Structure formats: C-alpha cells, structure tokens
PDB file of N, CA and C in Angstrom:
ATOM      1  N   MET A   1       0.824  -1.192   0.000  1.00  0.00           N
ATOM      2  CA  MET A   1       0.000   0.000   0.000  1.00  0.00           C
ATOM      3  C   MET A   1       0.866   1.254   0.000  1.00  0.00           C
ATOM      4  N   LEU A   2       1.945   1.237   0.790  1.00  0.00           N
ATOM      5  CA  LEU A   2       2.813   2.412   0.839  1.00  0.00           C
ATOM      6  C   LEU A   2       3.565   2.624  -0.469  1.00  0.00           C
ATOM      7  N   GLU A   3       3.818   1.524  -1.220  1.00  0.00           N
ATOM      8  CA  GLU A   3       4.498   1.663  -2.497  1.00  0.00           C
ATOM      9  C   GLU A   3       3.646   2.439  -3.493  1.00  0.00           C
ATOM     10  N   ILE A   4       2.346   2.306  -3.403  1.00  0.00           N
ATOM     11  CA  ILE A   4       1.455   3.029  -4.312  1.00  0.00           C
ATOM     12  C   ILE A   4       1.435   4.510  -3.957  1.00  0.00           C
ATOM     13  N   LEU A   5       1.404   4.831  -2.670  1.00  0.00           N
ATOM     14  CA  LEU A   5       1.350   6.231  -2.260  1.00  0.00           C
ATOM     15  C   LEU A   5       2.669   6.955  -2.493  1.00  0.00           C
ATOM     16  N   PHE A   6       3.772   6.297  -2.208  1.00  0.00           N
ATOM     17  CA  PHE A   6       5.078   6.931  -2.316  1.00  0.00           C
ATOM     18  C   PHE A   6       5.889   6.316  -3.455  1.00  0.00           C
ATOM     19  N   LYS A   7       5.265   6.185  -4.608  1.00  0.00           N
ATOM     20  CA  LYS A   7       5.954   5.594  -5.752  1.00  0.00           C
ATOM     21  C   LYS A   7       6.999   6.573  -6.274  1.00  0.00           C
ATOM     22  N   THR A   8       8.235   6.130  -6.301  1.00  0.00           N
ATOM     23  CA  THR A   8       9.314   6.977  -6.781  1.00  0.00           C
ATOM     24  C   THR A   8       9.862   6.405  -8.074  1.00  0.00           C
ATOM     25  N   THR A   9      10.210   7.270  -8.972  1.00  0.00           N
ATOM     26  CA  THR A   9      10.839   6.853 -10.205  1.00  0.00           C
ATOM     27  C   THR A   9      12.300   7.266 -10.161  1.00  0.00           C
ATOM     28  N   CYS A  10      13.117   6.554 -10.873  1.00  0.00           N
ATOM     29  CA  CYS A  10      14.540   6.856 -10.891  1.00  0.00           C
ATOM     30  C   CYS A  10      14.776   8.138 -11.672  1.00  0.00           C
ATOM     31  N   LYS A  11      15.614   9.012 -11.131  1.00  0.00           N
ATOM     32  CA  LYS A  11      15.938  10.278 -11.799  1.00  0.00           C
ATOM     33  C   LYS A  11      17.229  10.179 -12.597  1.00  0.00           C
ATOM     34  N   HIS A  12      17.861   9.042 -12.575  1.00  0.00           N
ATOM     35  CA  HIS A  12      19.078   8.769 -13.333  1.00  0.00           C
ATOM     36  C   HIS A  12      20.160   9.796 -13.026  1.00  0.00           C
ATOM     37  N   ASP A  13      20.371  10.083 -11.751  1.00  0.00           N
ATOM     38  CA  ASP A  13      21.369  11.068 -11.351  1.00  0.00           C
ATOM     39  C   ASP A  13      22.799  10.591 -11.603  1.00  0.00           C
ATOM     40  N   LYS A  14      23.010   9.290 -11.641  1.00  0.00           N
ATOM     41  CA  LYS A  14      24.357   8.774 -11.826  1.00  0.00           C
ATOM     42  C   LYS A  14      24.771   8.705 -13.293  1.00  0.00           C
ATOM     43  N   VAL A  15      23.851   8.998 -14.204  1.00  0.00           N
ATOM     44  CA  VAL A  15      24.205   9.179 -15.610  1.00  0.00           C
ATOM     45  C   VAL A  15      24.553  10.657 -15.751  1.00  0.00           C
ATOM     46  N   THR A  16      25.840  10.964 -15.768  1.00  0.00           N
ATOM     47  CA  THR A  16      26.275  12.350 -15.719  1.00  0.00           C
ATOM     48  C   THR A  16      26.011  13.060 -17.045  1.00  0.00           C
ATOM     49  N   LEU A  17      26.012  14.376 -16.996  1.00  0.00           N
ATOM     50  CA  LEU A  17      25.735  15.168 -18.178  1.00  0.00           C
ATOM     51  C   LEU A  17      26.885  15.159 -19.171  1.00  0.00           C
ATOM     52  N   SER A  18      28.069  14.743 -18.743  1.00  0.00           N
ATOM     53  CA  SER A  18      29.199  14.656 -19.662  1.00  0.00           C
ATOM     54  C   SER A  18      29.101  13.434 -20.574  1.00  0.00           C
ATOM     55  N   MET A  19      28.266  12.470 -20.208  1.00  0.00           N
ATOM     56  CA  MET A  19      28.098  11.268 -21.014  1.00  0.00           C
ATOM     57  C   MET A  19      27.037  11.510 -22.079  1.00  0.00           C
ATOM     58  N   LYS A  20      27.241  10.984 -23.266  1.00  0.00           N
ATOM     59  CA  LYS A  20      26.222  11.065 -24.318  1.00  0.00           C
ATOM     60  C   LYS A  20      25.077  10.107 -24.000  1.00  0.00           C
ATOM     61  N   ALA A  21      25.421   8.918 -23.556  1.00  0.00           N
ATOM     62  CA  ALA A  21      24.426   7.917 -23.187  1.00  0.00           C
ATOM     63  C   ALA A  21      25.095   6.888 -22.292  1.00  0.00           C
ATOM     64  N   GLY A  22      24.284   6.154 -21.541  1.00  0.00           N
ATOM     65  CA  GLY A  22      24.828   5.117 -20.678  1.00  0.00           C
ATOM     66  C   GLY A  22      23.740   4.440 -19.875  1.00  0.00           C
ATOM     67  N   TYR A  23      24.106   3.360 -19.225  1.00  0.00           N
ATOM     68  CA  TYR A  23      23.179   2.622 -18.382  1.00  0.00           C
ATOM     69  C   TYR A  23      23.168   3.226 -16.979  1.00  0.00           C
ATOM     70  N   CYS A  24      21.993   3.384 -16.433  1.00  0.00           N
ATOM     71  CA  CYS A  24      21.852   3.885 -15.070  1.00  0.00           C
ATOM     72  C   CYS A  24      22.156   2.732 -14.110  1.00  0.00           C
ATOM     73  N   PRO A  25      23.093   2.902 -13.181  1.00  0.00           N
ATOM     74  CA  PRO A  25      23.422   1.807 -12.270  1.00  0.00           C
ATOM     75  C   PRO A  25      22.336   1.550 -11.224  1.00  0.00           C
ATOM     76  N   ASP A  26      21.442   2.485 -11.019  1.00  0.00           N
ATOM     77  CA  ASP A  26      20.387   2.295 -10.020  1.00  0.00           C
ATOM     78  C   ASP A  26      19.231   1.450 -10.535  1.00  0.00           C
ATOM     79  N   CYS A  27      18.794   1.703 -11.776  1.00  0.00           N
ATOM     80  CA  CYS A  27      17.610   0.998 -12.285  1.00  0.00           C
ATOM     81  C   CYS A  27      17.894   0.114 -13.492  1.00  0.00           C
ATOM     82  N   GLY A  28      19.024   0.310 -14.173  1.00  0.00           N
ATOM     83  CA  GLY A  28      19.373  -0.528 -15.308  1.00  0.00           C
ATOM     84  C   GLY A  28      18.855  -0.035 -16.639  1.00  0.00           C
ATOM     85  N   ASP A  29      18.217   1.134 -16.703  1.00  0.00           N
ATOM     86  CA  ASP A  29      17.707   1.664 -17.963  1.00  0.00           C
ATOM     87  C   ASP A  29      18.841   2.290 -18.767  1.00  0.00           C
ATOM     88  N   TYR A  30      18.698   2.254 -20.087  1.00  0.00           N
ATOM     89  CA  TYR A  30      19.659   2.918 -20.968  1.00  0.00           C
ATOM     90  C   TYR A  30      19.161   4.335 -21.214  1.00  0.00           C
ATOM     91  N   VAL A  31      19.945   5.327 -20.803  1.00  0.00           N
ATOM     92  CA  VAL A  31      19.519   6.723 -20.796  1.00  0.00           C
ATOM     93  C   VAL A  31      20.404   7.528 -21.733  1.00  0.00           C
ATOM     94  N   GLU A  32      19.774   8.387 -22.564  1.00  0.00           N
ATOM     95  CA  GLU A  32      20.501   9.304 -23.429  1.00  0.00           C
ATOM     96  C   GLU A  32      20.309  10.723 -22.934  1.00  0.00           C
ATOM     97  N   ASN A  33      21.369  11.519 -22.986  1.00  0.00           N
ATOM     98  CA  ASN A  33      21.297  12.934 -22.645  1.00  0.00           C
ATOM     99  C   ASN A  33      21.125  13.735 -23.925  1.00  0.00           C
ATOM    100  N   HIS A  34      20.093  14.547 -23.982  1.00  0.00           N
ATOM    101  CA  HIS A  34      19.836  15.415 -25.123  1.00  0.00           C
ATOM    102  C   HIS A  34      19.940  16.862 -24.658  1.00  0.00           C
ATOM    103  N   TRP A  35      20.624  17.692 -25.441  1.00  0.00           N
ATOM    104  CA  TRP A  35      20.781  19.104 -25.129  1.00  0.00           C
ATOM    105  C   TRP A  35      19.893  19.923 -26.046  1.00  0.00           C
ATOM    106  N   TYR A  36      19.132  20.853 -25.463  1.00  0.00           N
ATOM    107  CA  TYR A  36      18.221  21.708 -26.223  1.00  0.00           C
ATOM    108  C   TYR A  36      18.526  23.174 -25.926  1.00  0.00           C
ATOM    109  N   ILE A  37      18.259  24.022 -26.907  1.00  0.00           N
ATOM    110  CA  ILE A  37      18.394  25.457 -26.752  1.00  0.00           C
ATOM    111  C   ILE A  37      17.159  26.097 -27.380  1.00  0.00           C
ATOM    112  N   SER A  38      16.687  27.174 -26.777  1.00  0.00           N
ATOM    113  CA  SER A  38      15.511  27.866 -27.312  1.00  0.00           C
ATOM    114  C   SER A  38      15.951  29.209 -27.885  1.00  0.00           C
ATOM    115  N   ARG A  39      15.379  29.530 -29.042  1.00  0.00           N
ATOM    116  CA  ARG A  39      15.669  30.788 -29.720  1.00  0.00           C
ATOM    117  C   ARG A  39      14.353  31.455 -30.097  1.00  0.00           C
ATOM    118  N   CYS A  40      14.421  32.777 -30.245  1.00  0.00           N
ATOM    119  CA  CYS A  40      13.271  33.524 -30.721  1.00  0.00           C
ATOM    120  C   CYS A  40      13.080  33.203 -32.207  1.00  0.00           C
ATOM    121  N   GLU A  41      11.860  32.972 -32.601  1.00  0.00           N
ATOM    122  CA  GLU A  41      11.584  32.644 -33.989  1.00  0.00           C
ATOM    123  C   GLU A  41      11.794  33.855 -34.901  1.00  0.00           C
ATOM    124  N   CYS A  42      11.604  35.039 -34.388  1.00  0.00           N
ATOM    125  CA  CYS A  42      11.700  36.261 -35.188  1.00  0.00           C
ATOM    126  C   CYS A  42      13.147  36.718 -35.368  1.00  0.00           C
ATOM    127  N   CYS A  43      13.872  36.900 -34.274  1.00  0.00           N
ATOM    128  CA  CYS A  43      15.219  37.481 -34.365  1.00  0.00           C
ATOM    129  C   CYS A  43      16.340  36.482 -34.084  1.00  0.00           C
ATOM    130  N   GLY A  44      16.044  35.281 -33.587  1.00  0.00           N
ATOM    131  CA  GLY A  44      17.066  34.277 -33.322  1.00  0.00           C
ATOM    132  C   GLY A  44      17.817  34.481 -32.021  1.00  0.00           C
ATOM    133  N   PHE A  45      17.346  35.345 -31.148  1.00  0.00           N
ATOM    134  CA  PHE A  45      17.980  35.639 -29.869  1.00  0.00           C
ATOM    135  C   PHE A  45      17.833  34.427 -28.948  1.00  0.00           C
ATOM    136  N   LYS A  46      18.911  34.015 -28.303  1.00  0.00           N
ATOM    137  CA  LYS A  46      18.867  32.852 -27.405  1.00  0.00           C
ATOM    138  C   LYS A  46      18.098  33.203 -26.145  1.00  0.00           C
ATOM    139  N   GLN A  47      17.260  32.280 -25.697  1.00  0.00           N
ATOM    140  CA  GLN A  47      16.430  32.473 -24.510  1.00  0.00           C
ATOM    141  C   GLN A  47      16.848  31.484 -23.433  1.00  0.00           C
ATOM    142  N   LYS A  48      16.756  31.891 -22.200  1.00  0.00           N
ATOM    143  CA  LYS A  48      16.968  30.948 -21.093  1.00  0.00           C
ATOM    144  C   LYS A  48      15.733  30.066 -20.992  1.00  0.00           C
ATOM    145  N   SER A  49      15.947  28.804 -20.728  1.00  0.00           N
ATOM    146  CA  SER A  49      14.840  27.857 -20.670  1.00  0.00           C
ATOM    147  C   SER A  49      15.080  26.845 -19.566  1.00  0.00           C
ATOM    148  N   PHE A  50      14.063  26.041 -19.311  1.00  0.00           N
ATOM    149  CA  PHE A  50      14.133  25.008 -18.283  1.00  0.00           C
ATOM    150  C   PHE A  50      13.258  23.845 -18.705  1.00  0.00           C
ATOM    151  N   VAL A  51      13.368  22.735 -17.968  1.00  0.00           N
ATOM    152  CA  VAL A  51      12.595  21.529 -18.274  1.00  0.00           C
ATOM    153  C   VAL A  51      11.497  21.380 -17.240  1.00  0.00           C
ATOM    154  N   ARG A  52      10.269  21.199 -17.720  1.00  0.00           N
ATOM    155  CA  ARG A  52       9.142  20.950 -16.829  1.00  0.00           C
ATOM    156  C   ARG A  52       8.288  19.835 -17.439  1.00  0.00           C
ATOM    157  N   PHE A  53       8.080  18.794 -16.675  1.00  0.00           N
ATOM    158  CA  PHE A  53       7.285  17.633 -17.084  1.00  0.00           C
ATOM    159  C   PHE A  53       7.789  17.035 -18.402  1.00  0.00           C
ATOM    160  N   GLY A  54       9.109  17.006 -18.575  1.00  0.00           N
ATOM    161  CA  GLY A  54       9.691  16.385 -19.759  1.00  0.00           C
ATOM    162  C   GLY A  54       9.666  17.248 -21.001  1.00  0.00           C
ATOM    163  N   ARG A  55       9.349  18.528 -20.885  1.00  0.00           N
ATOM    164  CA  ARG A  55       9.306  19.441 -22.026  1.00  0.00           C
ATOM    165  C   ARG A  55      10.202  20.634 -21.749  1.00  0.00           C
ATOM    166  N   VAL A  56      10.771  21.186 -22.807  1.00  0.00           N
ATOM    167  CA  VAL A  56      11.603  22.382 -22.692  1.00  0.00           C
ATOM    168  C   VAL A  56      10.703  23.600 -22.821  1.00  0.00           C
ATOM    169  N   ILE A  57      10.796  24.520 -21.846  1.00  0.00           N
ATOM    170  CA  ILE A  57       9.949  25.705 -21.802  1.00  0.00           C
ATOM    171  C   ILE A  57      10.854  26.914 -21.586  1.00  0.00           C
ATOM    172  N   THR A  58      10.542  28.011 -22.252  1.00  0.00           N
ATOM    173  CA  THR A  58      11.338  29.225 -22.066  1.00  0.00           C
ATOM    174  C   THR A  58      11.004  29.870 -20.732  1.00  0.00           C
ATOM    175  N   ASP A  59      11.975  30.595 -20.197  1.00  0.00           N
ATOM    176  CA  ASP A  59      11.820  31.266 -18.916  1.00  0.00           C
ATOM    177  C   ASP A  59      10.887  32.471 -19.033  1.00  0.00           C
ATOM    178  N   ALA A  60      11.032  33.242 -20.086  1.00  0.00           N
ATOM    179  CA  ALA A  60      10.185  34.416 -20.306  1.00  0.00           C
ATOM    180  C   ALA A  60       9.121  34.096 -21.365  1.00  0.00           C
ATOM    181  N   LYS A  61       8.000  34.769 -21.290  1.00  0.00           N
ATOM    182  CA  LYS A  61       6.929  34.534 -22.263  1.00  0.00           C
ATOM    183  C   LYS A  61       7.143  35.316 -23.555  1.00  0.00           C
ATOM    184  N   PHE A  62       7.960  36.367 -23.490  1.00  0.00           N
ATOM    185  CA  PHE A  62       8.231  37.189 -24.658  1.00  0.00           C
ATOM    186  C   PHE A  62       9.733  37.366 -24.812  1.00  0.00           C
ATOM    187  N   CYS A  63      10.182  37.577 -26.043  1.00  0.00           N
ATOM    188  CA  CYS A  63      11.589  37.808 -26.332  1.00  0.00           C
ATOM    189  C   CYS A  63      12.005  39.168 -25.788  1.00  0.00           C
ATOM    190  N   LYS A  64      13.158  39.214 -25.151  1.00  0.00           N
ATOM    191  CA  LYS A  64      13.655  40.471 -24.595  1.00  0.00           C
ATOM    192  C   LYS A  64      14.209  41.389 -25.672  1.00  0.00           C
ATOM    193  N   ASN A  65      14.500  40.848 -26.839  1.00  0.00           N
ATOM    194  CA  ASN A  65      15.093  41.627 -27.912  1.00  0.00           C
ATOM    195  C   ASN A  65      14.031  42.259 -28.821  1.00  0.00           C
ATOM    196  N   CYS A  66      13.039  41.467 -29.267  1.00  0.00           N
ATOM    197  CA  CYS A  66      12.063  41.993 -30.225  1.00  0.00           C
ATOM    198  C   CYS A  66      10.624  41.949 -29.717  1.00  0.00           C
ATOM    199  N   GLY A  67      10.336  41.241 -28.646  1.00  0.00           N
ATOM    200  CA  GLY A  67       8.987  41.194 -28.091  1.00  0.00           C
ATOM    201  C   GLY A  67       8.103  40.099 -28.657  1.00  0.00           C
ATOM    202  N   SER A  68       8.635  39.227 -29.491  1.00  0.00           N
ATOM    203  CA  SER A  68       7.840  38.146 -30.075  1.00  0.00           C
ATOM    204  C   SER A  68       7.574  37.067 -29.026  1.00  0.00           C
ATOM    205  N   ASN A  69       6.490  36.309 -29.218  1.00  0.00           N
ATOM    206  CA  ASN A  69       6.181  35.228 -28.288  1.00  0.00           C
ATOM    207  C   ASN A  69       6.323  33.846 -28.927  1.00  0.00           C
ATOM    208  N   ALA A  70       6.907  33.765 -30.116  1.00  0.00           N
ATOM    209  CA  ALA A  70       7.119  32.487 -30.802  1.00  0.00           C
ATOM    210  C   ALA A  70       8.581  32.075 -30.633  1.00  0.00           C
ATOM    211  N   PHE A  71       8.782  30.819 -30.233  1.00  0.00           N
ATOM    212  CA  PHE A  71      10.127  30.330 -29.967  1.00  0.00           C
ATOM    213  C   PHE A  71      10.380  29.039 -30.728  1.00  0.00           C
ATOM    214  N   ILE A  72      11.644  28.799 -31.050  1.00  0.00           N
ATOM    215  CA  ILE A  72      12.087  27.578 -31.710  1.00  0.00           C
ATOM    216  C   ILE A  72      12.958  26.813 -30.717  1.00  0.00           C
ATOM    217  N   TYR A  73      12.738  25.506 -30.624  1.00  0.00           N
ATOM    218  CA  TYR A  73      13.533  24.664 -29.730  1.00  0.00           C
ATOM    219  C   TYR A  73      14.392  23.753 -30.588  1.00  0.00           C
ATOM    220  N   GLU A  74      15.711  23.921 -30.485  1.00  0.00           N
ATOM    221  CA  GLU A  74      16.658  23.160 -31.292  1.00  0.00           C
ATOM    222  C   GLU A  74      17.388  22.146 -30.425  1.00  0.00           C
ATOM    223  N   GLU A  75      17.635  20.985 -31.005  1.00  0.00           N
ATOM    224  CA  GLU A  75      18.453  19.986 -30.312  1.00  0.00           C
ATOM    225  C   GLU A  75      19.893  20.152 -30.773  1.00  0.00           C
ATOM    226  N   LEU A  76      20.803  20.226 -29.829  1.00  0.00           N
ATOM    227  CA  LEU A  76      22.219  20.413 -30.128  1.00  0.00           C
ATOM    228  C   LEU A  76      22.920  19.067 -30.197  1.00  0.00           C
ATOM    229  N   ASP A  77      23.793  18.924 -31.191  1.00  0.00           N
ATOM    230  CA  ASP A  77      24.603  17.706 -31.277  1.00  0.00           C
ATOM    231  C   ASP A  77      25.728  17.737 -30.257  1.00  0.00           C
ATOM    232  N   ASN A  78      26.430  18.847 -30.212  1.00  0.00           N
ATOM    233  CA  ASN A  78      27.531  19.023 -29.269  1.00  0.00           C
ATOM    234  C   ASN A  78      27.319  20.325 -28.515  1.00  0.00           C
ATOM    235  N   LEU A  79      27.622  20.311 -27.261  1.00  0.00           N
ATOM    236  CA  LEU A  79      27.491  21.504 -26.439  1.00  0.00           C
ATOM    237  C   LEU A  79      28.772  22.317 -26.549  1.00  0.00           C
ATOM    238  N   ASP A  80      28.653  23.577 -27.005  1.00  0.00           N
ATOM    239  CA  ASP A  80      29.825  24.438 -27.117  1.00  0.00           C
ATOM    240  C   ASP A  80      29.826  25.473 -25.998  1.00  0.00           C
ATOM    241  N   ILE A  81      30.914  26.179 -25.869  1.00  0.00           N
ATOM    242  CA  ILE A  81      31.077  27.104 -24.751  1.00  0.00           C
ATOM    243  C   ILE A  81      30.173  28.324 -24.874  1.00  0.00           C
ATOM    244  N   VAL A  82      29.745  28.665 -26.079  1.00  0.00           N
ATOM    245  CA  VAL A  82      28.870  29.815 -26.278  1.00  0.00           C
ATOM    246  C   VAL A  82      27.449  29.500 -25.803  1.00  0.00           C
ATOM    247  N   SER A  83      26.987  28.279 -26.039  1.00  0.00           N
ATOM    248  CA  SER A  83      25.609  27.908 -25.720  1.00  0.00           C
ATOM    249  C   SER A  83      25.434  27.295 -24.343  1.00  0.00           C
ATOM    250  N   VAL A  84      26.505  27.167 -23.577  1.00  0.00           N
ATOM    251  CA  VAL A  84      26.414  26.454 -22.306  1.00  0.00           C
ATOM    252  C   VAL A  84      25.508  27.178 -21.307  1.00  0.00           C
ATOM    253  N   ASN A  85      25.412  28.491 -21.375  1.00  0.00           N
ATOM    254  CA  ASN A  85      24.552  29.217 -20.443  1.00  0.00           C
ATOM    255  C   ASN A  85      23.076  29.121 -20.792  1.00  0.00           C
ATOM    256  N   TYR A  86      22.755  28.770 -22.034  1.00  0.00           N
ATOM    257  CA  TYR A  86      21.367  28.730 -22.467  1.00  0.00           C
ATOM    258  C   TYR A  86      20.863  27.306 -22.705  1.00  0.00           C
ATOM    259  N   ALA A  87      21.748  26.341 -22.719  1.00  0.00           N
ATOM    260  CA  ALA A  87      21.361  24.966 -23.034  1.00  0.00           C
ATOM    261  C   ALA A  87      20.723  24.281 -21.830  1.00  0.00           C
ATOM    262  N   VAL A  88      19.821  23.362 -22.136  1.00  0.00           N
ATOM    263  CA  VAL A  88      19.101  22.592 -21.122  1.00  0.00           C
ATOM    264  C   VAL A  88      19.256  21.118 -21.456  1.00  0.00           C
ATOM    265  N   SER A  89      19.496  20.309 -20.456  1.00  0.00           N
ATOM    266  CA  SER A  89      19.648  18.869 -20.656  1.00  0.00           C
ATOM    267  C   SER A  89      18.347  18.153 -20.342  1.00  0.00           C
ATOM    268  N   LEU A  90      18.016  17.187 -21.183  1.00  0.00           N
ATOM    269  CA  LEU A  90      16.825  16.374 -20.994  1.00  0.00           C
ATOM    270  C   LEU A  90      17.242  14.917 -21.122  1.00  0.00           C
ATOM    271  N   LYS A  91      16.968  14.122 -20.098  1.00  0.00           N
ATOM    272  CA  LYS A  91      17.337  12.711 -20.100  1.00  0.00           C
ATOM    273  C   LYS A  91      16.155  11.889 -20.590  1.00  0.00           C
ATOM    274  N   ARG A  92      16.435  11.015 -21.542  1.00  0.00           N
ATOM    275  CA  ARG A  92      15.386  10.156 -22.093  1.00  0.00           C
ATOM    276  C   ARG A  92      15.802   8.703 -21.988  1.00  0.00           C
ATOM    277  N   VAL A  93      14.860   7.875 -21.567  1.00  0.00           N
ATOM    278  CA  VAL A  93      15.101   6.436 -21.454  1.00  0.00           C
ATOM    279  C   VAL A  93      14.880   5.823 -22.823  1.00  0.00           C
ATOM    280  N   VAL A  94      15.896   5.159 -23.341  1.00  0.00           N
ATOM    281  CA  VAL A  94      15.806   4.552 -24.663  1.00  0.00           C
ATOM    282  C   VAL A  94      15.312   3.116 -24.555  1.00  0.00           C
ATOM    283  N   ALA A  95      15.939   2.343 -23.727  1.00  0.00           N
ATOM    284  CA  ALA A  95      15.561   0.943 -23.578  1.00  0.00           C
ATOM    285  C   ALA A  95      15.330   0.669 -22.101  1.00  0.00           C
ATOM    286  N   ALA A  96      14.077   0.460 -21.754  1.00  0.00           N
ATOM    287  CA  ALA A  96      13.763   0.150 -20.362  1.00  0.00           C
ATOM    288  C   ALA A  96      14.157  -1.287 -20.066  1.00  0.00           C
ATOM    289  N   ARG A  97      14.427  -1.540 -18.824  1.00  0.00           N
ATOM    290  CA  ARG A  97      14.838  -2.891 -18.436  1.00  0.00           C
ATOM    291  C   ARG A  97      13.656  -3.843 -18.549  1.00  0.00           C
ATOM    292  N   ARG A  98      13.967  -5.062 -18.902  1.00  0.00           N
ATOM    293  CA  ARG A  98      12.952  -6.098 -18.968  1.00  0.00           C
ATOM    294  C   ARG A  98      13.023  -6.913 -17.692  1.00  0.00           C
ATOM    295  N   LYS A  99      11.867  -7.255 -17.170  1.00  0.00           N
ATOM    296  CA  LYS A  99      11.862  -7.923 -15.874  1.00  0.00           C
ATOM    297  C   LYS A  99      11.995  -9.434 -15.989  1.00  0.00           C
ATOM    298  N   ASN A 100      11.080 -10.100 -16.601  1.00  0.00           N
ATOM    299  CA  ASN A 100      11.088 -11.558 -16.644  1.00  0.00           C
ATOM    300  C   ASN A 100      11.717 -12.020 -17.948  1.00  0.00           C
ATOM    301  N   VAL A 101      13.010 -12.259 -17.917  1.00  0.00           N
ATOM    302  CA  VAL A 101      13.739 -12.663 -19.106  1.00  0.00           C
ATOM    303  C   VAL A 101      14.363 -14.025 -18.847  1.00  0.00           C
ATOM    304  N   ILE A 102      14.184 -14.903 -19.802  1.00  0.00           N
ATOM    305  CA  ILE A 102      14.802 -16.224 -19.740  1.00  0.00           C
ATOM    306  C   ILE A 102      15.729 -16.335 -20.933  1.00  0.00           C
ATOM    307  N   GLN A 103      16.982 -16.698 -20.686  1.00  0.00           N
ATOM    308  CA  GLN A 103      17.946 -16.836 -21.760  1.00  0.00           C
ATOM    309  C   GLN A 103      18.446 -18.267 -21.805  1.00  0.00           C
ATOM    310  N   THR A 104      18.652 -18.745 -23.029  1.00  0.00           N
ATOM    311  CA  THR A 104      19.223 -20.082 -23.224  1.00  0.00           C
ATOM    312  C   THR A 104      20.343 -19.970 -24.242  1.00  0.00           C
ATOM    313  N   TRP A 105      21.188 -20.967 -24.283  1.00  0.00           N
ATOM    314  CA  TRP A 105      22.256 -20.979 -25.268  1.00  0.00           C
ATOM    315  C   TRP A 105      22.511 -22.402 -25.689  1.00  0.00           C
ATOM    316  N   ILE A 106      23.091 -22.535 -26.851  1.00  0.00           N
ATOM    317  CA  ILE A 106      23.439 -23.839 -27.395  1.00  0.00           C
ATOM    318  C   ILE A 106      24.946 -23.861 -27.579  1.00  0.00           C
ATOM    319  N   GLU A 107      25.569 -24.861 -27.017  1.00  0.00           N
ATOM    320  CA  GLU A 107      27.008 -24.969 -27.166  1.00  0.00           C
ATOM    321  C   GLU A 107      27.331 -25.535 -28.542  1.00  0.00           C
ATOM    322  N   GLN A 108      28.404 -25.067 -29.121  1.00  0.00           N
ATOM    323  CA  GLN A 108      28.765 -25.435 -30.483  1.00  0.00           C
ATOM    324  C   GLN A 108      29.613 -26.704 -30.561  1.00  0.00           C
ATOM    325  N   ASN A 109      29.779 -27.407 -29.468  1.00  0.00           N
ATOM    326  CA  ASN A 109      30.558 -28.643 -29.487  1.00  0.00           C
ATOM    327  C   ASN A 109      29.771 -29.734 -30.198  1.00  0.00           C
ATOM    328  N   SER A 110      30.473 -30.518 -30.992  1.00  0.00           N
ATOM    329  CA  SER A 110      29.795 -31.620 -31.683  1.00  0.00           C
ATOM    330  C   SER A 110      29.992 -32.893 -30.860  1.00  0.00           C
ATOM    331  N   TYR A 111      28.925 -33.542 -30.579  1.00  0.00           N
ATOM    332  CA  TYR A 111      28.955 -34.761 -29.786  1.00  0.00           C
ATOM    333  C   TYR A 111      28.628 -35.944 -30.688  1.00  0.00           C
ATOM    334  N   THR A 112      29.317 -37.036 -30.455  1.00  0.00           N
ATOM    335  CA  THR A 112      28.994 -38.266 -31.173  1.00  0.00           C
ATOM    336  C   THR A 112      28.065 -39.082 -30.303  1.00  0.00           C
ATOM    337  N   PRO A 113      27.072 -39.685 -30.906  1.00  0.00           N
ATOM    338  CA  PRO A 113      26.151 -40.473 -30.089  1.00  0.00           C
ATOM    339  C   PRO A 113      26.848 -41.684 -29.466  1.00  0.00           C
ATOM    340  N   ILE A 114      26.399 -42.050 -28.305  1.00  0.00           N
ATOM    341  CA  ILE A 114      26.974 -43.175 -27.567  1.00  0.00           C
ATOM    342  C   ILE A 114      26.416 -44.465 -28.178  1.00  0.00           C
ATOM    343  N   LYS A 115      27.304 -45.385 -28.490  1.00  0.00           N
ATOM    344  CA  LYS A 115      26.866 -46.658 -29.043  1.00  0.00           C
ATOM    345  C   LYS A 115      26.452 -47.568 -27.895  1.00  0.00           C
ATOM    346  N   LEU A 116      25.281 -48.098 -28.014  1.00  0.00           N
ATOM    347  CA  LEU A 116      24.769 -48.971 -26.982  1.00  0.00           C
ATOM    348  C   LEU A 116      25.277 -50.402 -27.229  1.00  0.00           C
ATOM    349  N   LEU A 117      25.538 -51.077 -26.144  1.00  0.00           N
ATOM    350  CA  LEU A 117      25.966 -52.477 -26.247  1.00  0.00           C
ATOM    351  C   LEU A 117      24.751 -53.350 -26.504  1.00  0.00           C
ATOM    352  N   PRO A 118      24.917 -54.355 -27.326  1.00  0.00           N
ATOM    353  CA  PRO A 118      23.759 -55.230 -27.594  1.00  0.00           C
ATOM    354  C   PRO A 118      23.418 -56.055 -26.328  1.00  0.00           C
ATOM    355  N   ALA A 119      22.150 -56.288 -26.154  1.00  0.00           N
ATOM    356  CA  ALA A 119      21.682 -57.083 -24.998  1.00  0.00           C
ATOM    357  C   ALA A 119      21.991 -58.558 -25.255  1.00  0.00           C
ATOM    358  N   PHE A 120      22.424 -59.325 -24.276  1.00  0.00           N
ATOM    359  CA  PHE A 120      22.769 -60.736 -24.412  1.00  0.00           C
ATOM    360  C   PHE A 120      21.662 -61.602 -23.992  1.00  0.00           C
TER     361      PHE A 120
END
C-alpha cells in the first residue's frame, strides 16, 4: 500500500551530463542525454529555458530583444562554450529494463552419439 502512495521513479542522477548515453546503475535503464536550446523565432535571440514535465519551456513569455512570443527549440549535437549558459539537458530512457527474461544458449561442441551395447 505504501508503495502506491510513495511511488518513486529513478531520476538517473548517476548518468552524468558529460556522457552522451549510458546505463543507469540504479535501475538498469539505458539513458541518453539530449541538449536543447531555445531561440526567438523572429530574431534568433537565445532564450533561457528550463525543463518541466519532460518538455523544454522558455523562462520568459516574450523575447527580450524583439517582443515576439514564438520560440524555436533546437536539439544540439555538441554543447559548445557559447551555448552552455542557455542549453538545457533532458534525459530520455531509450531501452527500459525487462523484468522476466529467460535466456538459453546452445554450445557449439559436436557430440557423437553413444553406441549402446547389444543385450545378451
């Protein structure tokens, strides 16, 4: 009953932001780090943003440079020193762990059948 009330999900804190992707040692999920930056759609001015409920959202509702309220969210391949103040990291689970897994294997050794002795 308490597990239902206080259900916690793994935040993957041990998958550091310097890693592109990796397995979380706490839960076993494969997690990728994605970097996003928000820009004004009109003038291209970089906006400060944050992550809320798995989505990237700008800090201000309007652009400080031109006053527009339309923004573009770009995914960055590599984080550079210019964009580090405006970039936001979002962790996504790529392959969740499987619980009930049964594995088998076949050995490649060739066996000769045992010859039975004739009954007397």
